[in-house]
Amino acid sequence: MTINIILLGPPGAGKGTQARTLVEERGLVQLSTGDMLREARSSGTEMGRVVADVMDRGQLVTDEIVIGLIREKLDTVDAPGFIFDGFPRTLPQADALEELLSGMGRRIDAVIEMQVDDEALVDRISGRFTCGSCGEVYHDRTKPTAKEGSCDVCGSTDLRRRADDNAESLKTRLMEYYKKTSPLVGYYYAKKTLAPVDGMASMEEVGTQVAAIMDGLGSGTAGKVRSAGG
């Protein structure tokens, strides 16, 4: 059985960290909109040429193109499950994804919502930096590197901070999230696929909560997990 999940939550909620864990420990494939667009652009395929043309003209990639890229991945990649990361962001995109999956005999099994406190999130993001080589995430206060200037996982010295990882930029990104994406919480709650987790807990505790949801999907008790989560 293929398991399809969505990681939902505002910027900095920890979606990327949990996605990497699911990829490493359960073999799921992460379908990141940004990664798929970059891959398509350099692929030389018909879809890739469409993507390159749109991006080169400085235009926004349409939902139809993203859905086409997702269909391509689902058709060609053999995996025990998929993580949708960065899509859907709006209700029309959610409808389009559901239509695509339904036509392929698939469905969204769980929407894992990372619930966070905005003020605490600003503190978390303001001190965040990542390894440019392996993607490991660090924080000045809560998770510094063991050796200053060097990644604990791969030893790379390519440590990066996003230019918009500051309080003012984050507040703008949060407003955009709540305006466009937060309606998805109600959308998936109504479909009984919403599974909330405490995104402000430690990464290990959040991972434990996510693992419980995934195990529930495998054993057919996902509904009980969702009820327990609120």
Protein backbone atom coordinates (compact mmCIF):
# COMPACT_ATOMS: atom_id res chain seq x y z
CA MET A 1 0.00 0.00 0.00
CA THR A 2 1.33 3.42 -1.01
CA ILE A 3 0.94 6.09 1.68
CA ASN A 4 0.54 9.71 0.64
CA ILE A 5 0.85 12.47 3.22
CA ILE A 6 0.93 16.26 3.28
CA LEU A 7 3.06 18.21 5.74
CA LEU A 8 1.17 21.37 6.62
CA GLY A 9 2.35 24.29 8.72
CA PRO A 10 3.74 27.82 8.57
CA PRO A 11 7.32 28.66 7.56
CA GLY A 12 9.80 27.35 10.10
CA ALA A 13 7.39 24.87 11.68
CA GLY A 14 9.84 22.01 11.07
CA LYS A 15 8.30 20.38 8.02
CA GLY A 16 11.66 19.92 6.28
CA THR A 17 13.22 18.20 9.28
CA GLN A 18 10.34 15.73 9.61
CA ALA A 19 10.28 15.11 5.86
CA ARG A 20 13.96 14.13 5.91
CA THR A 21 13.30 11.71 8.76
CA LEU A 22 10.45 10.06 6.86
CA VAL A 23 12.63 9.79 3.76
CA GLU A 24 15.55 8.27 5.67
CA GLU A 25 13.63 5.95 8.01
CA ARG A 26 10.63 4.91 5.93
CA GLY A 27 11.81 5.32 2.34
CA LEU A 28 9.15 7.84 1.40
CA VAL A 29 9.82 10.18 -1.51
CA GLN A 30 9.57 13.92 -0.83
CA LEU A 31 7.81 15.81 -3.60
CA SER A 32 9.02 19.37 -3.07
CA THR A 33 7.60 21.87 -5.55
CA GLY A 34 10.88 23.79 -5.76
CA ASP A 35 12.97 20.65 -6.27
CA MET A 36 10.61 19.31 -8.95
CA LEU A 37 10.70 22.59 -10.87
CA ARG A 38 14.50 22.76 -10.79
CA GLU A 39 14.77 19.12 -11.85
CA ALA A 40 12.26 19.56 -14.66
CA ARG A 41 13.98 22.67 -15.96
CA SER A 42 17.23 20.79 -16.49
CA SER A 43 15.68 17.50 -17.64
CA GLY A 44 15.24 18.30 -21.34
CA THR A 45 11.77 16.70 -21.37
CA GLU A 46 8.73 18.33 -22.94
CA MET A 47 7.45 19.31 -19.49
CA GLY A 48 10.91 20.58 -18.62
CA ARG A 49 10.95 22.87 -21.64
CA VAL A 50 7.56 24.27 -20.62
CA VAL A 51 8.84 24.93 -17.09
CA ALA A 52 12.05 26.54 -18.37
CA ASP A 53 10.12 28.80 -20.74
CA VAL A 54 7.78 30.01 -17.99
CA MET A 55 10.59 30.59 -15.50
CA ASP A 56 12.85 32.30 -18.03
CA ARG A 57 10.04 34.77 -18.76
CA GLY A 58 9.80 35.50 -15.04
CA GLN A 59 6.24 34.22 -14.83
CA LEU A 60 4.67 32.14 -12.07
CA VAL A 61 4.41 28.42 -12.76
CA THR A 62 0.74 27.48 -13.03
CA ASP A 63 -1.01 24.90 -10.85
CA GLU A 64 -1.54 22.81 -14.00
CA ILE A 65 2.21 22.55 -14.53
CA VAL A 66 2.85 21.54 -10.92
CA ILE A 67 0.09 18.94 -11.09
CA GLY A 68 1.68 17.61 -14.28
CA LEU A 69 5.05 17.29 -12.53
CA ILE A 70 3.43 15.46 -9.61
CA ARG A 71 1.64 13.08 -11.99
CA GLU A 72 4.95 12.38 -13.72
CA LYS A 73 6.61 11.53 -10.39
CA LEU A 74 3.78 9.32 -9.20
CA ASP A 75 3.83 7.46 -12.52
CA THR A 76 7.58 6.88 -12.69
CA VAL A 77 8.90 6.63 -9.11
CA ASP A 78 8.47 3.37 -7.21
CA ALA A 79 8.20 4.16 -3.50
CA PRO A 80 6.23 3.05 -0.42
CA GLY A 81 4.81 6.54 -0.14
CA PHE A 82 5.07 10.22 -1.01
CA ILE A 83 5.34 13.41 1.03
CA PHE A 84 3.79 16.51 -0.52
CA ASP A 85 5.89 19.48 0.55
CA GLY A 86 4.90 23.01 -0.52
CA PHE A 87 1.84 21.84 -2.42
CA PRO A 88 -1.06 22.31 -2.02
CA ARG A 89 -0.94 25.86 -0.64
CA THR A 90 -4.48 26.91 -1.59
CA LEU A 91 -7.95 25.35 -1.71
CA PRO A 92 -8.01 25.18 -5.55
CA GLN A 93 -4.65 23.37 -5.45
CA ALA A 94 -6.02 20.94 -2.86
CA ASP A 95 -8.99 20.19 -5.13
CA ALA A 96 -6.67 19.70 -8.11
CA LEU A 97 -4.43 17.31 -6.15
CA GLU A 98 -7.40 15.30 -4.93
CA GLU A 99 -8.72 15.02 -8.49
CA LEU A 100 -5.31 13.84 -9.73
CA LEU A 101 -4.89 11.22 -7.00
CA SER A 102 -8.47 9.99 -7.35
CA GLY A 103 -7.94 9.47 -11.07
CA MET A 104 -4.86 7.37 -10.27
CA GLY A 105 -6.65 5.28 -7.65
CA ARG A 106 -4.80 7.00 -4.81
CA ARG A 107 -5.66 9.36 -1.98
CA ILE A 108 -4.19 11.58 0.72
CA ASP A 109 -3.95 9.35 3.79
CA ALA A 110 -2.96 11.98 6.35
CA VAL A 111 -2.33 15.71 6.55
CA ILE A 112 0.14 16.25 9.36
CA GLU A 113 -0.38 19.76 10.69
CA MET A 114 2.55 21.26 12.57
CA GLN A 115 0.88 23.50 15.15
CA VAL A 116 3.09 26.32 16.41
CA ASP A 117 3.06 29.49 18.49
CA ASP A 118 3.83 32.52 16.29
CA GLU A 119 6.03 34.39 18.78
CA ALA A 120 8.05 31.30 19.62
CA LEU A 121 8.32 30.56 15.90
CA VAL A 122 9.88 33.98 15.24
CA ASP A 123 12.52 33.19 17.89
CA ARG A 124 13.14 29.78 16.37
CA ILE A 125 13.55 31.07 12.83
CA SER A 126 15.66 34.10 13.67
CA GLY A 127 18.48 31.87 14.89
CA ARG A 128 18.19 29.15 12.25
CA PHE A 129 20.89 28.11 9.81
CA THR A 130 21.39 25.04 7.64
CA CYS A 131 24.16 23.00 6.08
CA GLY A 132 24.36 23.75 2.39
CA SER A 133 25.69 20.24 1.68
CA CYS A 134 23.38 17.85 3.55
CA GLY A 135 20.51 20.10 4.64
CA GLU A 136 20.88 19.54 8.40
CA VAL A 137 19.16 22.33 10.35
CA TYR A 138 20.76 24.14 13.31
CA HIS A 139 19.88 26.98 15.68
CA ASP A 140 22.15 29.45 17.46
CA ARG A 141 20.55 28.80 20.85
CA THR A 142 18.78 25.44 20.81
CA LYS A 143 20.92 23.40 18.40
CA PRO A 144 24.35 24.89 17.70
CA THR A 145 26.99 22.87 15.86
CA ALA A 146 29.35 20.92 18.10
CA LYS A 147 32.29 22.53 16.31
CA GLU A 148 31.81 26.15 15.32
CA GLY A 149 31.56 26.62 11.56
CA SER A 150 31.32 22.90 10.76
CA CYS A 151 28.32 20.62 10.17
CA ASP A 152 28.01 17.81 12.73
CA VAL A 153 26.62 15.38 10.13
CA CYS A 154 28.84 15.77 7.07
CA GLY A 155 31.64 18.09 8.23
CA SER A 156 30.90 20.72 5.59
CA THR A 157 31.76 24.33 6.37
CA ASP A 158 29.04 25.56 3.99
CA LEU A 159 26.61 26.79 6.66
CA ARG A 160 23.91 29.13 5.40
CA ARG A 161 21.25 31.51 6.69
CA ARG A 162 18.26 32.46 4.57
CA ALA A 163 18.09 36.18 3.88
CA ASP A 164 14.44 36.18 4.94
CA ASP A 165 15.04 34.31 8.21
CA ASN A 166 14.49 37.42 10.30
CA ALA A 167 11.60 38.67 12.42
CA GLU A 168 10.10 41.15 9.94
CA SER A 169 10.32 38.84 6.93
CA LEU A 170 8.88 35.95 8.90
CA LYS A 171 5.87 37.99 10.03
CA THR A 172 5.17 38.79 6.37
CA ARG A 173 5.50 35.12 5.42
CA LEU A 174 3.24 34.09 8.30
CA MET A 175 0.56 36.55 7.15
CA GLU A 176 0.75 35.08 3.65
CA TYR A 177 0.47 31.57 5.06
CA TYR A 178 -2.58 32.36 7.19
CA LYS A 179 -4.26 34.15 4.30
CA LYS A 180 -3.77 31.46 1.65
CA THR A 181 -2.86 28.17 3.28
CA SER A 182 -4.51 28.00 6.70
CA PRO A 183 -7.97 27.35 5.12
CA LEU A 184 -6.56 23.92 4.24
CA VAL A 185 -6.74 23.02 7.95
CA GLY A 186 -10.54 23.17 7.85
CA TYR A 187 -10.61 21.54 4.42
CA TYR A 188 -8.73 18.44 5.54
CA TYR A 189 -10.40 18.36 8.96
CA ALA A 190 -13.71 17.98 7.13
CA LYS A 191 -12.22 15.11 5.13
CA LYS A 192 -11.07 13.44 8.39
CA THR A 193 -7.44 13.30 7.28
CA LEU A 194 -6.06 16.09 9.52
CA ALA A 195 -3.54 14.89 12.11
CA PRO A 196 -2.23 17.70 14.36
CA VAL A 197 1.13 17.52 16.12
CA ASP A 198 2.77 19.90 18.59
CA GLY A 199 5.28 21.68 16.38
CA MET A 200 6.75 23.53 19.37
CA ALA A 201 7.97 20.32 21.02
CA SER A 202 11.53 19.12 20.55
CA MET A 203 12.38 17.70 17.13
CA GLU A 204 12.60 14.24 18.72
CA GLU A 205 9.14 14.55 20.31
CA VAL A 206 7.62 15.86 17.09
CA GLY A 207 9.23 12.91 15.31
CA THR A 208 7.62 10.53 17.82
CA GLN A 209 4.20 12.08 17.18
CA VAL A 210 4.66 11.87 13.41
CA ALA A 211 5.82 8.24 13.72
CA ALA A 212 2.67 7.38 15.70
CA ILE A 213 0.52 8.85 12.92
CA MET A 214 2.43 6.92 10.26
CA ASP A 215 2.20 3.68 12.24
CA GLY A 216 -1.52 4.27 12.62
CA LEU A 217 -1.89 4.53 8.85
CA GLY A 218 -0.11 1.23 8.42
CA SER A 219 -2.31 -0.55 10.95
CA GLY A 220 -5.57 1.08 9.98
CA THR A 221 -5.89 3.05 13.22
CA ALA A 222 -5.14 6.49 11.83
CA GLY A 223 -8.55 7.73 12.90
CA LYS A 224 -7.72 6.97 16.53
CA VAL A 225 -4.42 8.85 16.20
CA ARG A 226 -6.20 11.87 14.75
CA SER A 227 -8.73 11.86 17.55
CA ALA A 228 -5.96 11.72 20.12
CA GLY A 229 -4.31 14.71 18.48
CA GLY A 230 -7.39 16.84 18.91
